Amino acid sequence: QVQLQESGPGLVKPSQTLSLTCTVSGGSITTTSYYWSWIRQPPGKGLEWMGTISYSGNTYYSPSLKSRASISRDTSKNQYTLQLSSVAPEDTAVYYCARASVLLPRVWVSKNEYSDWGQGTQVTVSS
């Protein structure tokens, strides 16, 4: 069974770049037809899709992030990474990595659309 684990700083200052890594075990991020995403949940709001990297390395991003997000991967470590630039307090959220068998490029998603989730990591943007 695949497992996902987020890691990264819990506190980031405004205007800095947030970097989060998802480490995957029990399955390869290059396995055909799986899509690896970053999703966040701000306080009091729903699950917001941020972006996806496919099994082949193609990337897709939410237009709501206005090019601030970048997703990359390290296949030797079976990890993929989110970088979010110019963070602001409204980027405060619980950040999740998740896997799906299809590409789901919608801004708002539900948990049952993704087969596997990390436990989530709280990120607070504050000076």
Foldseek 3Di string as FASTA:
>chain_A
DKAKAKDFDQEAEAQAKGKIKIQIPPDAQLPPQKKKFKWWDAPPGAIFTAKIAHSVGDIDGACVLVPQWDKGDDRVRRMIMIMGGRDDQRVFTWMKMFMASHDDRDGGDDPVRTDYIHPTGTHGYHD
